[in-house]
């Protein structure tokens, strides 16, 4: 049974993308297989990019100073001392 991309860890997605890249660089890979692999690779790259954006946002939140929003702009929630909390499930 094939593993769905959503079930793969971040590292597994990177490994799979690297394998696809190596296969695409092999001149003996036939054209139809190459197109299929390219499509799969683009989906993986998009998933990886999305995951990295979420991780980057979490890091911004964790490293922001009290009274500042993660982008460095004061917000009402932070200024009032009760920042809007985001649950891990939203990431």
Foldseek 3Di string as FASTA:
>chain_A
DDDDLVPDDLVRLVVLLVVLVVLLPDPVDDDVVNVVSVVVNVVSVVVNVVVVVVVVLVVLCVPDDQQAHSVRHGDPCSVVVHHDDDDPVVD
